[in-house]
Amino acid sequence: MKPADSSPATIDRLAADTVIVREYLDRVGQPQVLDAAAEEQLLARIKTTMHANNARLVAHYYVDAKLQDLAESTGGFVGDSLEMARFGREVDADILLVAGVRFMGETAKILSPEKTVLMPTLEATCSLDIGCPIAEFARFCDAHPERKVVVYANTSAAVKAQADWVVTSSIAVDVVEHLMEAGEKIIWAPDRHLGSYIQKTTGADMLLWDSACIVHEEFKARGLLDMRKLYPDAAILAHPESPAAVLQIADVIGSTTQIIKAARNLPNKDIIVATDKGIFHKLQQVAPEKRFIIAPTAGNDATCRSCAHCPWMGMNSVQRLLDSLTAMSNEILVDSKLAERAMLPLQRMLDFAATNQLKVRGKA
């Protein structure tokens, strides 16, 4: 397992992440910027084609605002990865269009094997998925057979199939507390920051894999403290994939959905947000009277390259969605035996979520 610290090895990993991001972006390219009239024409064509093919769009909070609006205006859904999984499984549709990153499409296919699952691009991956290769992770799990394996949803189908539980950030603490009460020791993968947060919150005996989200890892505590001086009455909301020093400053720690709920319910008029800035579209919808400010990152040399926005989420576009739907291309396929194995820990998550009230974690 890779070292989880700020050693030269970890610095080398960050440099490697930068190379990976650039390789993906150079290969796929950024979506074409369209004028308003052209975009409206594309949206109209998408709606017509979706209706003709009984297709529904599920979109993550981090993708382009136009895709979020399209999903909600056509009977689809916008949410976090857990909510997307639930909706995709339950909706009456022949085709699921998934605007997000690849693991979300794989999860949709595993939960709905009878549906055709398409994505705007198959290149939209995740640094956490890249940072947890199945061969290396399987060896690590085999070395600790006495531990329950809990993996974050931001992983490949193969890694999920290796696990006892799959969790999202909205349910991770609750699941680990449940396992801890049963006397279990845990292997956690892949996000070291989220794993560290869960470990500190629950006191569980956890071995942490070392990977990180290239967006959240760039948020900086020192810059956040400086920003608090500028906005002394602001609440700070942080995703638990952020570094521990950032979480220590935050007033509320939660998943994307939990951040949205907190933003709506808190009395503060100014809110500093440490997560992907794609979420600002939904934040401004639920609390239009409030001012949302992105938390500071490492600047122009950040690993994410375009700070505070996932470059892979940014690959999703209206044009690419139309191209995929028209050609029935970029289909997500998962081996049936692998899907059966991955389904078991996913189903445990969904069953657990259905019978437990999820909580915002933080000081609010």
Protein backbone atom coordinates (compact mmCIF):
# COMPACT_ATOMS: atom_id res chain seq x y z
CA MET A 1 0.00 0.00 0.00
CA LYS A 2 1.22 3.49 -0.80
CA PRO A 3 2.31 5.75 2.10
CA ALA A 4 -0.34 8.16 3.39
CA ASP A 5 1.77 11.18 4.28
CA SER A 6 3.54 14.19 2.78
CA SER A 7 6.74 12.26 2.04
CA PRO A 8 8.56 12.46 -1.30
CA ALA A 9 6.61 9.36 -2.36
CA THR A 10 3.33 11.18 -1.86
CA ILE A 11 4.65 14.26 -3.63
CA ASP A 12 5.66 12.00 -6.53
CA ARG A 13 2.12 10.60 -6.56
CA LEU A 14 0.68 14.10 -6.89
CA ALA A 15 3.02 14.79 -9.79
CA ALA A 16 1.92 11.53 -11.40
CA ASP A 17 -1.72 12.54 -10.94
CA THR A 18 -0.99 15.77 -12.80
CA VAL A 19 0.40 13.80 -15.74
CA ILE A 20 -2.63 11.49 -15.77
CA VAL A 21 -5.08 14.40 -15.81
CA ARG A 22 -3.24 16.09 -18.65
CA GLU A 23 -3.13 12.86 -20.65
CA TYR A 24 -6.88 12.44 -20.33
CA LEU A 25 -7.65 16.05 -21.17
CA ASP A 26 -5.27 16.09 -24.12
CA ARG A 27 -6.80 12.91 -25.51
CA VAL A 28 -10.46 13.85 -25.05
CA GLY A 29 -10.27 17.61 -25.26
CA GLN A 30 -12.58 20.12 -23.67
CA PRO A 31 -16.23 20.34 -24.78
CA GLN A 32 -16.94 22.77 -27.58
CA VAL A 33 -18.31 26.10 -26.38
CA LEU A 34 -21.65 26.78 -28.09
CA ASP A 35 -23.63 29.97 -28.41
CA ALA A 36 -27.04 30.10 -26.74
CA ALA A 37 -29.04 29.47 -29.91
CA ALA A 38 -27.00 26.42 -30.93
CA GLU A 39 -27.21 24.99 -27.43
CA GLU A 40 -30.98 25.39 -27.33
CA GLN A 41 -31.26 23.53 -30.63
CA LEU A 42 -29.19 20.68 -29.24
CA LEU A 43 -31.26 20.54 -26.07
CA ALA A 44 -34.46 20.35 -28.11
CA ARG A 45 -33.04 17.47 -30.17
CA ILE A 46 -31.97 15.65 -27.02
CA LYS A 47 -35.44 15.96 -25.48
CA THR A 48 -37.09 14.61 -28.63
CA THR A 49 -34.67 11.69 -28.87
CA MET A 50 -34.97 10.88 -25.17
CA HIS A 51 -38.76 10.78 -25.41
CA ALA A 52 -38.65 8.53 -28.49
CA ASN A 53 -36.29 6.07 -26.77
CA ASN A 54 -37.77 6.11 -23.25
CA ALA A 55 -34.51 7.48 -21.89
CA ARG A 56 -33.88 9.26 -18.60
CA LEU A 57 -30.91 11.41 -17.63
CA VAL A 58 -29.29 11.15 -14.21
CA ALA A 59 -26.72 13.84 -13.49
CA HIS A 60 -24.30 14.55 -10.68
CA TYR A 61 -24.20 17.91 -8.91
CA TYR A 62 -20.72 18.54 -10.33
CA VAL A 63 -21.59 18.46 -14.04
CA ASP A 64 -22.51 21.42 -16.24
CA ALA A 65 -25.59 23.37 -15.14
CA LYS A 66 -27.27 22.82 -18.53
CA LEU A 67 -27.11 19.06 -18.01
CA GLN A 68 -28.51 19.37 -14.51
CA ASP A 69 -31.42 21.47 -15.78
CA LEU A 70 -32.00 19.05 -18.66
CA ALA A 71 -32.22 16.10 -16.28
CA GLU A 72 -34.77 17.79 -14.06
CA SER A 73 -36.88 19.07 -16.95
CA THR A 74 -37.19 15.65 -18.62
CA GLY A 75 -38.18 13.46 -15.70
CA GLY A 76 -34.64 12.59 -14.76
CA PHE A 77 -32.68 13.34 -11.62
CA VAL A 78 -29.80 15.36 -10.18
CA GLY A 79 -28.10 14.16 -7.02
CA ASP A 80 -25.11 12.59 -5.35
CA SER A 81 -23.88 9.15 -6.33
CA LEU A 82 -26.10 7.30 -3.82
CA GLU A 83 -29.22 9.14 -4.96
CA MET A 84 -28.30 8.61 -8.61
CA ALA A 85 -28.00 4.89 -7.96
CA ARG A 86 -31.38 4.74 -6.26
CA PHE A 87 -33.14 6.71 -8.99
CA GLY A 88 -31.58 4.77 -11.84
CA ARG A 89 -32.71 1.51 -10.32
CA GLU A 90 -36.29 2.61 -9.72
CA VAL A 91 -37.11 4.73 -12.78
CA ASP A 92 -39.19 3.21 -15.57
CA ALA A 93 -36.81 3.67 -18.50
CA ASP A 94 -35.15 1.59 -21.18
CA ILE A 95 -32.08 3.80 -21.39
CA LEU A 96 -30.20 5.55 -18.58
CA LEU A 97 -28.01 8.47 -19.57
CA VAL A 98 -25.44 9.06 -16.84
CA ALA A 99 -23.78 12.47 -16.72
CA GLY A 100 -20.93 12.07 -14.29
CA VAL A 101 -17.87 9.85 -14.15
CA ARG A 102 -17.41 6.25 -15.21
CA PHE A 103 -17.89 4.54 -11.84
CA MET A 104 -21.36 6.12 -11.68
CA GLY A 105 -22.23 4.55 -15.02
CA GLU A 106 -20.89 1.19 -13.86
CA THR A 107 -22.95 1.40 -10.67
CA ALA A 108 -26.06 2.20 -12.68
CA LYS A 109 -25.45 -0.82 -14.91
CA ILE A 110 -24.82 -3.15 -11.97
CA LEU A 111 -28.05 -2.07 -10.29
CA SER A 112 -30.05 -2.05 -13.54
CA PRO A 113 -28.56 -4.77 -15.77
CA GLU A 114 -31.67 -4.85 -17.96
CA LYS A 115 -31.25 -1.19 -18.94
CA THR A 116 -28.94 0.28 -21.53
CA VAL A 117 -26.56 2.69 -19.80
CA LEU A 118 -24.90 5.40 -21.90
CA MET A 119 -22.51 8.20 -20.97
CA PRO A 120 -21.45 11.35 -22.86
CA THR A 121 -17.88 10.02 -22.78
CA LEU A 122 -16.23 6.89 -21.45
CA GLU A 123 -13.08 8.86 -20.67
CA ALA A 124 -14.62 10.57 -17.63
CA THR A 125 -12.86 8.71 -14.85
CA CYS A 126 -11.84 9.62 -11.29
CA SER A 127 -8.48 9.98 -9.56
CA LEU A 128 -9.73 7.76 -6.73
CA ASP A 129 -10.59 5.01 -9.19
CA ILE A 130 -7.20 5.37 -10.90
CA GLY A 131 -5.46 5.34 -7.51
CA CYS A 132 -6.89 1.96 -6.48
CA PRO A 133 -5.91 -0.65 -9.09
CA ILE A 134 -7.61 -3.97 -8.46
CA ALA A 135 -4.51 -6.21 -8.52
CA GLU A 136 -2.69 -4.15 -5.90
CA PHE A 137 -5.82 -3.72 -3.79
CA ALA A 138 -6.69 -7.43 -3.90
CA ARG A 139 -3.22 -8.33 -2.62
CA PHE A 140 -3.64 -5.89 0.24
CA CYS A 141 -7.03 -7.34 1.18
CA ASP A 142 -5.67 -10.88 1.02
CA ALA A 143 -2.96 -9.87 3.50
CA HIS A 144 -5.63 -8.88 6.04
CA PRO A 145 -8.40 -11.50 5.77
CA GLU A 146 -9.66 -10.77 9.28
CA ARG A 147 -10.90 -7.30 8.29
CA LYS A 148 -14.12 -6.20 6.62
CA VAL A 149 -13.46 -4.40 3.36
CA VAL A 150 -15.31 -1.10 2.97
CA VAL A 151 -14.80 0.81 -0.26
CA TYR A 152 -15.97 4.20 -1.41
CA ALA A 153 -18.36 4.34 -4.36
CA ASN A 154 -15.64 6.14 -6.35
CA THR A 155 -14.07 2.84 -7.42
CA SER A 156 -14.22 0.42 -10.32
CA ALA A 157 -16.66 -2.46 -10.48
CA ALA A 158 -13.74 -4.82 -9.87
CA VAL A 159 -12.80 -3.08 -6.61
CA LYS A 160 -16.43 -3.07 -5.51
CA ALA A 161 -16.57 -6.80 -6.14
CA GLN A 162 -13.64 -7.21 -3.74
CA ALA A 163 -15.53 -5.45 -0.94
CA ASP A 164 -17.94 -6.40 1.81
CA TRP A 165 -19.51 -2.93 1.74
CA VAL A 166 -19.69 -0.07 -0.74
CA VAL A 167 -20.46 3.35 0.73
CA THR A 168 -20.89 6.94 -0.36
CA SER A 169 -19.73 9.89 1.73
CA SER A 170 -23.30 10.41 2.95
CA ILE A 171 -23.44 6.99 4.59
CA ALA A 172 -19.82 6.05 5.29
CA VAL A 173 -19.71 7.06 8.96
CA ASP A 174 -22.98 5.29 9.71
CA VAL A 175 -21.83 2.05 8.10
CA VAL A 176 -18.47 2.08 9.89
CA GLU A 177 -20.20 2.74 13.22
CA HIS A 178 -22.47 -0.22 12.50
CA LEU A 179 -19.48 -2.48 11.80
CA MET A 180 -17.59 -1.16 14.79
CA GLU A 181 -20.51 -2.01 17.08
CA ALA A 182 -20.30 -5.56 15.72
CA GLY A 183 -16.62 -5.70 16.71
CA GLU A 184 -15.27 -5.58 13.18
CA LYS A 185 -11.91 -4.21 12.04
CA ILE A 186 -11.87 -2.48 8.69
CA ILE A 187 -9.91 -1.98 5.49
CA TRP A 188 -10.89 1.34 3.92
CA ALA A 189 -10.25 2.43 0.33
CA PRO A 190 -9.46 4.51 -1.56
CA ASP A 191 -9.72 8.10 -0.23
CA ARG A 192 -7.26 8.63 2.62
CA HIS A 193 -8.79 11.95 3.70
CA LEU A 194 -12.30 10.55 3.96
CA GLY A 195 -10.92 7.44 5.64
CA SER A 196 -9.03 9.52 8.19
CA TYR A 197 -12.16 11.56 8.90
CA ILE A 198 -14.23 8.41 9.44
CA GLN A 199 -11.54 6.93 11.67
CA LYS A 200 -11.37 10.05 13.85
CA THR A 201 -15.15 10.36 14.01
CA THR A 202 -15.84 6.75 14.95
CA GLY A 203 -12.64 5.56 16.62
CA ALA A 204 -12.76 2.44 14.45
CA ASP A 205 -9.72 0.23 13.81
CA MET A 206 -9.10 1.02 10.13
CA LEU A 207 -6.30 0.41 7.66
CA LEU A 208 -6.40 3.21 5.09
CA TRP A 209 -5.55 2.98 1.41
CA ASP A 210 -3.67 5.99 0.07
CA SER A 211 -5.42 7.83 -2.71
CA ALA A 212 -7.15 11.20 -2.91
CA CYS A 213 -9.53 13.31 -4.96
CA ILE A 214 -7.46 15.69 -7.05
CA VAL A 215 -10.01 18.47 -6.50
CA HIS A 216 -10.61 18.23 -2.75
CA GLU A 217 -6.96 17.60 -1.92
CA GLU A 218 -6.15 21.08 -3.25
CA PHE A 219 -8.21 22.98 -0.67
CA LYS A 220 -5.88 24.75 1.74
CA ALA A 221 -6.44 25.44 5.45
CA ARG A 222 -4.18 28.50 5.52
CA GLY A 223 -6.08 30.13 2.68
CA LEU A 224 -9.37 29.19 4.32
CA LEU A 225 -8.34 30.93 7.56
CA ASP A 226 -7.42 34.03 5.56
CA MET A 227 -10.78 33.90 3.82
CA ARG A 228 -12.59 33.63 7.14
CA LYS A 229 -11.03 36.97 8.11
CA LEU A 230 -12.59 38.50 5.00
CA TYR A 231 -15.97 36.89 5.69
CA PRO A 232 -16.13 36.60 9.50
CA ASP A 233 -19.84 35.75 9.53
CA ALA A 234 -19.60 33.06 6.87
CA ALA A 235 -20.25 29.38 7.51
CA ILE A 236 -17.69 26.97 6.11
CA LEU A 237 -19.03 23.78 4.52
CA ALA A 238 -16.58 21.05 3.54
CA HIS A 239 -16.74 17.69 1.84
CA PRO A 240 -14.97 14.97 3.87
CA GLU A 241 -12.65 14.21 0.95
CA SER A 242 -10.87 17.45 1.94
CA PRO A 243 -7.65 17.34 4.01
CA ALA A 244 -7.95 17.06 7.79
CA ALA A 245 -6.69 20.62 8.34
CA VAL A 246 -9.58 21.93 6.23
CA LEU A 247 -12.13 19.77 8.03
CA GLN A 248 -10.94 21.06 11.40
CA ILE A 249 -11.93 24.57 10.33
CA ALA A 250 -15.28 23.62 8.78
CA ASP A 251 -18.59 24.31 10.51
CA VAL A 252 -20.33 21.49 8.64
CA ILE A 253 -18.79 18.39 7.08
CA GLY A 254 -20.97 16.44 4.70
CA SER A 255 -21.65 14.87 1.33
CA THR A 256 -22.85 16.98 -1.57
CA THR A 257 -26.49 16.46 -0.60
CA GLN A 258 -25.73 17.22 3.03
CA ILE A 259 -23.87 20.39 2.03
CA ILE A 260 -26.91 21.54 0.04
CA LYS A 261 -29.23 20.91 2.98
CA ALA A 262 -26.94 22.77 5.35
CA ALA A 263 -26.64 25.73 2.97
CA ARG A 264 -30.40 25.99 2.80
CA ASN A 265 -30.97 25.67 6.55
CA LEU A 266 -28.11 27.67 8.06
CA PRO A 267 -28.86 31.32 8.94
CA ASN A 268 -25.55 32.58 7.51
CA LYS A 269 -25.85 34.79 4.44
CA ASP A 270 -22.27 34.08 3.33
CA ILE A 271 -21.20 30.47 2.86
CA ILE A 272 -17.71 29.26 1.96
CA VAL A 273 -17.79 25.90 0.20
CA ALA A 274 -14.95 23.37 0.02
CA THR A 275 -16.10 21.04 -2.72
CA ASP A 276 -16.37 21.05 -6.51
CA LYS A 277 -17.80 24.36 -7.71
CA GLY A 278 -20.24 22.52 -9.97
CA ILE A 279 -22.44 22.30 -6.88
CA PHE A 280 -22.95 26.08 -6.92
CA HIS A 281 -25.76 25.75 -9.48
CA LYS A 282 -27.88 23.74 -7.06
CA LEU A 283 -26.82 25.85 -4.07
CA GLN A 284 -27.99 29.02 -5.79
CA GLN A 285 -31.29 27.33 -6.64
CA VAL A 286 -32.05 26.26 -3.08
CA ALA A 287 -30.78 29.45 -1.41
CA PRO A 288 -30.83 32.31 -3.95
CA GLU A 289 -30.59 34.94 -1.22
CA LYS A 290 -27.20 33.69 -0.06
CA ARG A 291 -23.69 34.31 -1.34
CA PHE A 292 -21.57 31.23 -2.03
CA ILE A 293 -17.79 31.51 -2.11
CA ILE A 294 -15.43 28.78 -3.29
CA ALA A 295 -12.78 27.76 -0.77
CA PRO A 296 -9.17 28.56 -1.76
CA THR A 297 -7.01 25.95 -3.49
CA ALA A 298 -3.35 25.67 -4.36
CA GLY A 299 -3.65 27.98 -7.35
CA ASN A 300 -2.67 27.62 -10.99
CA ASP A 301 -0.30 24.71 -10.38
CA ALA A 302 -2.92 22.60 -8.61
CA THR A 303 -3.15 18.93 -9.51
CA CYS A 304 -6.71 19.43 -10.74
CA ARG A 305 -5.43 21.90 -13.32
CA SER A 306 -8.75 23.79 -13.29
CA CYS A 307 -9.04 24.41 -9.57
CA ALA A 308 -12.15 23.39 -7.64
CA HIS A 309 -13.70 21.63 -10.64
CA CYS A 310 -13.16 18.00 -11.60
CA PRO A 311 -11.71 17.88 -15.13
CA TRP A 312 -13.48 14.58 -15.77
CA MET A 313 -16.88 15.93 -14.70
CA GLY A 314 -16.11 18.79 -17.08
CA MET A 315 -15.93 16.34 -19.99
CA ASN A 316 -19.71 15.92 -19.88
CA SER A 317 -21.42 18.27 -22.34
CA VAL A 318 -24.70 18.76 -24.18
CA GLN A 319 -23.08 17.95 -27.54
CA ARG A 320 -21.45 14.76 -26.27
CA LEU A 321 -24.71 13.67 -24.67
CA LEU A 322 -26.56 14.12 -27.97
CA ASP A 323 -23.83 12.29 -29.90
CA SER A 324 -23.96 9.35 -27.50
CA LEU A 325 -27.75 9.13 -27.52
CA THR A 326 -28.05 9.46 -31.30
CA ALA A 327 -25.42 6.81 -32.05
CA MET A 328 -26.22 4.67 -29.00
CA SER A 329 -22.51 4.85 -28.24
CA ASN A 330 -20.38 5.05 -25.09
CA GLU A 331 -22.36 2.20 -23.57
CA ILE A 332 -21.35 0.94 -20.14
CA LEU A 333 -20.91 -2.83 -20.05
CA VAL A 334 -20.01 -4.85 -16.96
CA ASP A 335 -19.20 -8.56 -17.00
CA SER A 336 -22.20 -10.41 -15.58
CA LYS A 337 -20.23 -12.43 -13.00
CA LEU A 338 -18.34 -9.34 -11.88
CA ALA A 339 -21.62 -7.43 -11.64
CA GLU A 340 -23.14 -10.14 -9.46
CA ARG A 341 -20.24 -9.91 -7.02
CA ALA A 342 -20.27 -6.11 -6.99
CA MET A 343 -24.02 -6.12 -6.47
CA LEU A 344 -23.73 -7.72 -3.02
CA PRO A 345 -21.92 -4.84 -1.25
CA LEU A 346 -23.94 -2.27 -3.21
CA GLN A 347 -27.16 -3.89 -2.07
CA ARG A 348 -25.95 -3.85 1.54
CA MET A 349 -25.45 -0.09 1.20
CA LEU A 350 -28.89 0.49 -0.29
CA ASP A 351 -30.60 -1.70 2.31
CA PHE A 352 -28.74 0.04 5.12
CA ALA A 353 -29.58 3.48 3.75
CA ALA A 354 -33.25 2.57 3.47
CA THR A 355 -33.49 1.79 7.18
CA ASN A 356 -31.25 4.50 8.63
CA GLN A 357 -31.55 8.28 8.76
CA LEU A 358 -28.40 9.84 7.30
CA LYS A 359 -26.90 12.74 9.22
CA VAL A 360 -24.85 15.84 8.47
CA ARG A 361 -21.54 15.50 10.27
CA GLY A 362 -20.08 18.67 11.74
CA LYS A 363 -20.45 21.44 14.25
CA ALA A 364 -23.82 22.69 13.01
